[in-house]
Every structure is written in C-alpha cells, then in structure tokens.
Amino acid sequence: MVEGKRIVITGGAGFIGSTLAQRLAEANQIVLFDNLARNTIQYDKGGLHPNVSLLQGDILDYPAVRSAFEGADIVVHAAAIAGIDTVLRSPVNTMEVNMIGTANVLRAAADAGVKNRVLEFSTSEVFGSMAYRVSEENQAVAGSAGEARWVYAVSKLAGEHLAHAYFREHQLPVVTLRPFNVYGPGQTGEGAIQIFIRKALNNEPISIYGDGTQIRAWCFINDMVDALMLALDKPEAIGESFNVGNARAVTTIFGLAETVCRVLGSSSEIQFKPALSADIELRIPETRKAENLLGFKAKVDLEEGIRRTAEWYRANRL
C-alpha cells in the first residue's frame, strides 16, 4: 500500500491523473502539476481533497518541473498530448510535449533524487495497426514516416525508451504502463466512448469514421487505476513495461455505438463518415505479465462501464 508519500502527478488535472489522485489522497500528499489544457478537476463539485494541491505549470518548462519535484517520493508522468484530432491538428506540438516534456520529467526526477517510483505512460499504439493479443515482448511498430497518425505513437515510444535508459544508466526506479483504450467518468476531450455516450444521451447522431469494423478492447478507468496502484507499490514493477487493458471487453467501433445506444435506450442514428487518417484496425492486449507480476486483472465489463460513465455525464452535462 502506498502511504505517507509526497506524490507529484504531471497532467494531474486530467482524466487518469485526477482519478488516481482521488485514490491516493487519503494516505498521501498529492501535487497535481498541470497546465489545465484538459481540466477534469473543475467538475469535482466537492473540490480538491485537503491532501491535494494544484500547481499550474508546463512540462516544457524544466525549472518549473524540477521545482515541483523537490522532495517527491513518487512521480507519475501522465501529462501528454493525446487524441487523434489534436495530434492531426498539431503534430509538432505533440512531438515536443511528449518527447521533450518526458525528457524534462525524467531529468528532473533524477536530479531531485526520486527514490520510490517514476511511473510513465506509453501507449498501446506502439503496436501499430494490427495488434492481436500483443504482449510486452512484441515488436513495436512506428508506422510510416509522414503519416500524422503515428506521431503520437512515435513520441510515446521515444519517451518509453528514454525512461528505461534512465533506469539502466541512472537506476531511476522507472515503470511504464501501456494503456489500451481507457474510458470512464471524468474523461474530457476526445475518446470514442465518451463522445458516443454524450451523443446518445441527447439522441443526437453518432458519427463513425471509416467502416466501423475497427476492433478495440475497452478498459474502465477504475481498472486502470487499480493497475496504477499496483505498479506504484510492487517492487517487481521497477524497470518493467506493462500492458493495461481488458481483453474481454472487445467490440468493433460500430458494435460499440450499437451497445451504447442499447444500454442507454437512445434513439441516436449511427452515421458513417470518411476516415480522418490511418487507423488502428485491431488492438487487443495480452495482460498476463501484469497479472503475474502485479496481480492485476480487469474487472469491469463494457456494459457496466458504459452505464457508470453515462451516470457521470448525466450529472455533469458536458
């Protein structure tokens, strides 16, 4: 159990970071370091927990990052540019934030002498467009140069390599997680499930880009945070990368839209539009490593996750 620690979460006001902070807050001192580009904590009607503080800053600002990490026992690096629309609009910013920002975080953690854990996020997109039951040992796929879709994957893979270089060369206690399609209450910005749910709640048309046959495995945020908590606690996690996802919650994008409408009793029309870019045709994780080393196994099925997520959107009406 993680207790009595000073924990800095970059991107801590975002979806995953803020959910993790809620889980850790009772027994630890939490600093959320964030530029508030995606601000999930603004919807927390009860305000921040007394043990949680917000420090506004940017991971491209090394002195600010280094100052934030002073005295930290644990760093969770969740800050990044993500979301296909955002990546396509600004591939340069995506590369700079995800690579230079991660380099700043790792350097600052090493300079600050962070001893317990430095947890950083990679992505399932490092496995390319066809990824069936991929394990951590599967070869990463960068995608074709010049195709903007792969800018995100390349930038996150570079960060993962750098993190593990810090582990080997400087003994920084690094752990990497590769999330597979995380969704749930508090997700803002992009993400198919939350977009489909918001449209379905209003009986508005749901747009699918491409033919809808793309296959995904969907991981509920509570399961993701369970994996994070284990990765922060288990000594076996240090120096390792882990897939985190739910290989049982698998459906096509069209099947997802149909499921959302059925579960929520929506009359939304499902519409097909041309694909925006190169796409992921198949993405299903193999998570035995996380189960064997961490004791992690996803619990929340897709329909339950949709219902719980919809309850949050009904309450907040984004």
Protein backbone atom coordinates (compact mmCIF):
# COMPACT_ATOMS: atom_id res chain seq x y z
CA MET A 1 0.00 0.00 0.00
CA VAL A 2 1.22 3.50 -0.88
CA GLU A 3 1.12 5.62 2.29
CA GLY A 4 2.84 8.69 3.68
CA LYS A 5 4.38 9.73 0.36
CA ARG A 6 4.71 13.02 -1.45
CA ILE A 7 3.44 12.24 -4.95
CA VAL A 8 3.63 14.58 -7.93
CA ILE A 9 1.32 13.80 -10.85
CA THR A 10 2.07 15.63 -14.09
CA GLY A 11 -1.14 16.08 -16.04
CA GLY A 12 -2.79 15.60 -12.67
CA ALA A 13 -5.87 17.65 -13.52
CA GLY A 14 -6.65 15.36 -16.45
CA PHE A 15 -8.76 12.23 -16.68
CA ILE A 16 -6.42 9.49 -15.45
CA GLY A 17 -4.27 11.71 -13.24
CA SER A 18 -7.18 13.18 -11.29
CA THR A 19 -8.81 9.76 -10.82
CA LEU A 20 -5.55 8.36 -9.47
CA ALA A 21 -5.18 11.37 -7.16
CA GLN A 22 -8.58 10.65 -5.62
CA ARG A 23 -7.49 7.09 -4.84
CA LEU A 24 -4.17 8.18 -3.30
CA ALA A 25 -5.26 11.32 -1.47
CA GLU A 26 -6.41 9.88 1.84
CA ALA A 27 -2.99 8.50 2.80
CA ASN A 28 -0.57 10.74 0.87
CA GLN A 29 0.28 14.32 -0.06
CA ILE A 30 -0.52 14.88 -3.74
CA VAL A 31 0.64 17.67 -6.04
CA LEU A 32 -1.14 18.00 -9.38
CA PHE A 33 1.23 19.64 -11.88
CA ASP A 34 -0.79 20.70 -14.91
CA ASN A 35 -1.23 23.46 -17.49
CA LEU A 36 -5.03 22.88 -17.31
CA ALA A 37 -5.42 22.29 -21.05
CA ARG A 38 -7.76 19.41 -20.15
CA ASN A 39 -9.19 20.13 -16.75
CA THR A 40 -11.27 17.32 -15.26
CA ILE A 41 -11.00 18.56 -11.67
CA GLN A 42 -13.22 21.55 -12.49
CA TYR A 43 -16.18 19.14 -12.44
CA ASP A 44 -15.44 17.90 -8.92
CA LYS A 45 -18.27 19.57 -7.03
CA GLY A 46 -16.69 18.79 -3.67
CA GLY A 47 -13.41 20.49 -4.56
CA LEU A 48 -9.94 19.06 -4.06
CA HIS A 49 -9.21 16.76 -1.15
CA PRO A 50 -7.31 18.59 1.65
CA ASN A 51 -4.22 16.49 0.86
CA VAL A 52 -4.26 17.52 -2.82
CA SER A 53 -2.82 20.76 -4.18
CA LEU A 54 -2.74 22.14 -7.72
CA LEU A 55 0.45 23.63 -9.14
CA GLN A 56 -0.09 25.18 -12.56
CA GLY A 57 2.86 24.69 -14.87
CA ASP A 58 4.09 23.21 -18.13
CA ILE A 59 6.31 20.16 -18.57
CA LEU A 60 8.25 22.00 -21.29
CA ASP A 61 9.44 24.39 -18.55
CA TYR A 62 12.28 22.44 -16.95
CA PRO A 63 12.88 24.76 -13.95
CA ALA A 64 9.16 24.56 -13.08
CA VAL A 65 9.21 20.76 -13.33
CA ARG A 66 12.37 20.50 -11.24
CA SER A 67 10.92 22.77 -8.57
CA ALA A 68 7.69 20.76 -8.43
CA PHE A 69 9.62 17.52 -7.89
CA GLU A 70 11.57 18.79 -4.87
CA GLY A 71 11.01 16.35 -2.00
CA ALA A 72 8.89 13.98 -4.09
CA ASP A 73 8.92 10.28 -3.25
CA ILE A 74 6.91 9.29 -6.32
CA VAL A 75 6.36 10.91 -9.72
CA VAL A 76 3.53 9.86 -12.03
CA HIS A 77 4.01 11.30 -15.51
CA ALA A 78 0.55 11.48 -17.10
CA ALA A 79 0.96 14.78 -18.99
CA ALA A 80 0.91 14.38 -22.77
CA ILE A 81 -0.71 15.45 -25.98
CA ALA A 82 -3.24 12.79 -26.96
CA GLY A 83 -6.37 12.29 -29.06
CA ILE A 84 -6.25 11.73 -32.80
CA ASP A 85 -7.92 15.06 -33.68
CA THR A 86 -5.43 17.00 -31.54
CA VAL A 87 -2.48 15.07 -32.92
CA LEU A 88 -3.53 15.68 -36.53
CA ARG A 89 -4.00 19.41 -35.87
CA SER A 90 -0.63 19.88 -34.22
CA PRO A 91 1.92 17.12 -34.81
CA VAL A 92 4.85 19.40 -33.93
CA ASN A 93 3.43 20.24 -30.51
CA THR A 94 2.60 16.58 -29.99
CA MET A 95 6.19 15.53 -30.61
CA GLU A 96 7.67 18.32 -28.50
CA VAL A 97 5.40 17.86 -25.49
CA ASN A 98 5.59 14.08 -25.50
CA MET A 99 9.34 13.79 -26.09
CA ILE A 100 10.90 16.93 -24.63
CA GLY A 101 8.35 17.01 -21.81
CA THR A 102 9.12 13.41 -20.88
CA ALA A 103 12.85 14.12 -21.06
CA ASN A 104 12.34 17.04 -18.66
CA VAL A 105 10.34 14.86 -16.26
CA LEU A 106 12.95 12.09 -16.20
CA ARG A 107 15.85 14.50 -15.82
CA ALA A 108 14.06 16.40 -13.04
CA ALA A 109 13.16 13.16 -11.23
CA ALA A 110 16.79 12.04 -11.36
CA ASP A 111 18.08 15.46 -10.26
CA ALA A 112 15.56 15.58 -7.41
CA GLY A 113 16.58 12.11 -6.24
CA VAL A 114 13.14 10.49 -6.53
CA LYS A 115 13.66 7.11 -4.86
CA ASN A 116 10.37 5.22 -4.74
CA ARG A 117 8.90 5.27 -8.23
CA VAL A 118 8.73 7.17 -11.50
CA LEU A 119 5.72 5.90 -13.42
CA GLU A 120 5.31 7.00 -17.02
CA PHE A 121 2.69 6.32 -19.65
CA SER A 122 3.45 4.91 -23.06
CA THR A 123 0.60 3.81 -25.35
CA SER A 124 -0.92 0.74 -26.95
CA GLU A 125 -0.41 2.48 -30.31
CA VAL A 126 3.26 1.39 -30.27
CA PHE A 127 1.98 -1.99 -31.54
CA GLY A 128 0.81 -0.50 -34.84
CA SER A 129 -2.39 -1.00 -36.80
CA MET A 130 -2.79 -4.78 -36.30
CA ALA A 131 -2.29 -5.85 -32.70
CA TYR A 132 -3.98 -9.07 -31.56
CA ARG A 133 -3.22 -10.27 -28.02
CA VAL A 134 0.06 -8.38 -28.13
CA SER A 135 2.43 -8.84 -25.20
CA GLU A 136 5.11 -6.53 -23.86
CA GLU A 137 7.69 -8.54 -25.80
CA ASN A 138 6.03 -7.94 -29.17
CA GLN A 139 7.94 -5.68 -31.52
CA ALA A 140 6.89 -2.03 -31.52
CA VAL A 141 5.75 -0.60 -34.87
CA ALA A 142 6.48 3.03 -35.68
CA GLY A 143 4.27 3.44 -38.75
CA SER A 144 5.17 5.21 -41.98
CA ALA A 145 7.07 8.48 -41.77
CA GLY A 146 4.95 11.47 -42.71
CA GLU A 147 1.63 9.92 -41.64
CA ALA A 148 0.46 12.19 -38.82
CA ARG A 149 -1.45 9.39 -37.09
CA TRP A 150 1.84 7.81 -35.97
CA VAL A 151 3.34 10.97 -34.50
CA TYR A 152 1.73 10.17 -31.14
CA ALA A 153 2.95 6.56 -31.08
CA VAL A 154 6.49 7.52 -32.08
CA SER A 155 6.71 10.27 -29.48
CA LYS A 156 5.44 7.99 -26.69
CA LEU A 157 7.74 5.14 -27.73
CA ALA A 158 10.70 7.53 -27.64
CA GLY A 159 9.69 8.51 -24.11
CA GLU A 160 9.45 4.87 -23.08
CA HIS A 161 12.94 4.13 -24.41
CA LEU A 162 14.35 7.17 -22.63
CA ALA A 163 12.67 6.18 -19.36
CA HIS A 164 14.23 2.75 -19.42
CA ALA A 165 17.59 4.23 -20.39
CA TYR A 166 17.36 6.29 -17.17
CA PHE A 167 16.62 3.06 -15.29
CA ARG A 168 19.67 1.28 -16.72
CA GLU A 169 22.11 4.18 -16.61
CA HIS A 170 20.99 6.12 -13.52
CA GLN A 171 18.97 3.49 -11.59
CA LEU A 172 15.90 5.70 -11.70
CA PRO A 173 13.03 3.47 -10.44
CA VAL A 174 11.00 3.63 -13.65
CA VAL A 175 7.80 1.75 -14.50
CA THR A 176 5.95 2.09 -17.84
CA LEU A 177 2.28 1.38 -18.46
CA ARG A 178 0.78 0.98 -21.92
CA PRO A 179 -2.97 1.71 -21.61
CA PHE A 180 -5.44 0.16 -24.04
CA ASN A 181 -8.44 2.43 -24.69
CA VAL A 182 -9.24 3.72 -21.21
CA TYR A 183 -12.64 5.34 -20.65
CA GLY A 184 -14.95 6.30 -17.81
CA PRO A 185 -16.30 9.12 -15.64
CA GLY A 186 -14.31 12.31 -15.96
CA GLN A 187 -12.94 11.74 -19.46
CA THR A 188 -12.80 15.01 -21.37
CA GLY A 189 -11.61 15.93 -24.85
CA GLU A 190 -11.55 13.02 -27.28
CA GLY A 191 -12.36 9.34 -26.87
CA ALA A 192 -14.96 7.27 -28.72
CA ILE A 193 -16.96 6.02 -25.75
CA GLN A 194 -17.44 9.39 -24.09
CA ILE A 195 -18.35 11.01 -27.42
CA PHE A 196 -20.83 8.23 -28.20
CA ILE A 197 -22.35 8.44 -24.71
CA ARG A 198 -22.80 12.21 -24.83
CA LYS A 199 -24.45 11.96 -28.26
CA ALA A 200 -26.64 9.05 -27.14
CA LEU A 201 -27.85 10.85 -24.02
CA ASN A 202 -29.13 13.65 -26.27
CA ASN A 203 -30.40 11.30 -29.01
CA GLU A 204 -28.07 13.03 -31.45
CA PRO A 205 -26.47 11.33 -34.48
CA ILE A 206 -23.34 9.31 -33.71
CA SER A 207 -20.57 9.58 -36.31
CA ILE A 208 -18.25 6.68 -37.11
CA TYR A 209 -15.16 7.48 -39.17
CA GLY A 210 -14.38 4.64 -41.55
CA ASP A 211 -16.44 1.48 -41.94
CA GLY A 212 -16.80 0.76 -38.21
CA THR A 213 -15.08 -2.65 -38.37
CA GLN A 214 -12.08 -1.47 -36.32
CA ILE A 215 -11.75 -3.66 -33.21
CA ARG A 216 -10.84 -2.37 -29.76
CA ALA A 217 -10.62 -3.65 -26.20
CA TRP A 218 -12.03 -1.12 -23.70
CA CYS A 219 -10.63 -0.61 -20.19
CA PHE A 220 -12.71 1.13 -17.50
CA ILE A 221 -10.87 3.84 -15.55
CA ASN A 222 -11.24 2.07 -12.19
CA ASP A 223 -9.41 -0.95 -13.60
CA MET A 224 -6.71 1.34 -14.96
CA VAL A 225 -6.23 2.96 -11.56
CA ASP A 226 -6.09 -0.48 -9.91
CA ALA A 227 -3.14 -1.27 -12.19
CA LEU A 228 -1.52 2.07 -11.37
CA MET A 229 -1.79 1.46 -7.65
CA LEU A 230 -0.15 -1.95 -8.00
CA ALA A 231 2.62 -0.55 -10.22
CA LEU A 232 3.37 2.12 -7.60
CA ASP A 233 3.51 -0.43 -4.79
CA LYS A 234 5.01 -3.66 -6.10
CA PRO A 235 8.84 -3.74 -6.18
CA GLU A 236 8.63 -6.24 -9.05
CA ALA A 237 7.30 -3.44 -11.25
CA ILE A 238 10.52 -1.41 -11.34
CA GLY A 239 12.26 -1.47 -14.68
CA GLU A 240 9.31 -3.10 -16.44
CA SER A 241 6.66 -2.16 -19.00
CA PHE A 242 3.10 -3.42 -18.65
CA ASN A 243 0.09 -3.62 -20.94
CA VAL A 244 -3.06 -2.48 -19.11
CA GLY A 245 -6.41 -3.28 -20.65
CA ASN A 246 -9.41 -5.57 -20.67
CA ALA A 247 -9.16 -8.25 -23.36
CA ARG A 248 -12.70 -9.42 -22.52
CA ALA A 249 -14.33 -6.05 -23.35
CA VAL A 250 -13.82 -6.30 -27.10
CA THR A 251 -16.05 -4.95 -29.88
CA THR A 252 -15.94 -3.17 -33.21
CA ILE A 253 -16.46 0.59 -33.27
CA PHE A 254 -19.85 0.02 -34.89
CA GLY A 255 -20.67 -2.58 -32.23
CA LEU A 256 -19.64 -0.08 -29.56
CA ALA A 257 -22.02 2.56 -30.93
CA GLU A 258 -24.83 0.00 -31.04
CA THR A 259 -24.09 -1.12 -27.47
CA VAL A 260 -24.06 2.45 -26.16
CA CYS A 261 -27.44 3.14 -27.78
CA ARG A 262 -28.95 -0.10 -26.48
CA VAL A 263 -27.65 0.24 -22.92
CA LEU A 264 -28.79 3.87 -22.68
CA GLY A 265 -32.07 3.40 -24.54
CA SER A 266 -31.06 6.01 -27.10
CA SER A 267 -32.62 6.67 -30.49
CA SER A 268 -29.41 8.16 -31.93
CA GLU A 269 -28.81 7.43 -35.61
CA ILE A 270 -25.40 5.93 -36.40
CA GLN A 271 -23.79 7.65 -39.37
CA PHE A 272 -20.65 6.71 -41.31
CA LYS A 273 -18.10 9.29 -42.46
CA PRO A 274 -14.78 9.06 -44.33
CA ALA A 275 -11.78 8.09 -42.20
CA LEU A 276 -9.76 11.06 -40.95
CA SER A 277 -6.36 9.35 -41.17
CA ALA A 278 -4.63 5.99 -40.96
CA ASP A 279 -6.40 3.92 -38.34
CA ILE A 280 -5.90 1.06 -35.91
CA GLU A 281 -7.70 -1.94 -37.37
CA LEU A 282 -7.20 -4.33 -34.43
CA ARG A 283 -5.99 -3.68 -30.89
CA ILE A 284 -6.38 -6.29 -28.15
CA PRO A 285 -3.85 -6.66 -25.32
CA GLU A 286 -2.24 -9.64 -23.70
CA THR A 287 -2.08 -8.77 -19.97
CA ARG A 288 -0.57 -11.90 -18.41
CA LYS A 289 2.59 -10.05 -17.39
CA ALA A 290 0.57 -7.52 -15.36
CA GLU A 291 -1.40 -10.39 -13.83
CA ASN A 292 1.68 -12.44 -12.97
CA LEU A 293 3.93 -9.65 -11.64
CA LEU A 294 1.37 -7.19 -10.28
CA GLY A 295 -1.72 -9.29 -9.60
CA PHE A 296 -3.77 -7.08 -11.93
CA LYS A 297 -6.88 -8.27 -13.74
CA ALA A 298 -9.57 -6.01 -15.20
CA LYS A 299 -12.98 -6.47 -13.58
CA VAL A 300 -15.50 -4.07 -15.15
CA ASP A 301 -17.32 -5.32 -18.26
CA LEU A 302 -18.21 -3.00 -21.11
CA GLU A 303 -21.94 -2.57 -20.45
CA GLU A 304 -21.40 -1.83 -16.76
CA GLY A 305 -18.68 0.66 -17.66
CA ILE A 306 -20.97 2.40 -20.15
CA ARG A 307 -23.73 2.72 -17.54
CA ARG A 308 -21.37 4.12 -14.90
CA THR A 309 -19.82 6.54 -17.35
CA ALA A 310 -23.23 7.73 -18.56
CA GLU A 311 -24.28 8.47 -14.97
CA TRP A 312 -21.37 10.90 -14.67
CA TYR A 313 -22.20 12.64 -17.95
CA ARG A 314 -25.84 12.94 -16.96
CA ALA A 315 -24.75 14.64 -13.75
CA ASN A 316 -22.26 16.97 -15.40
CA ARG A 317 -23.81 17.51 -18.85
CA LEU A 318 -20.60 18.45 -20.64
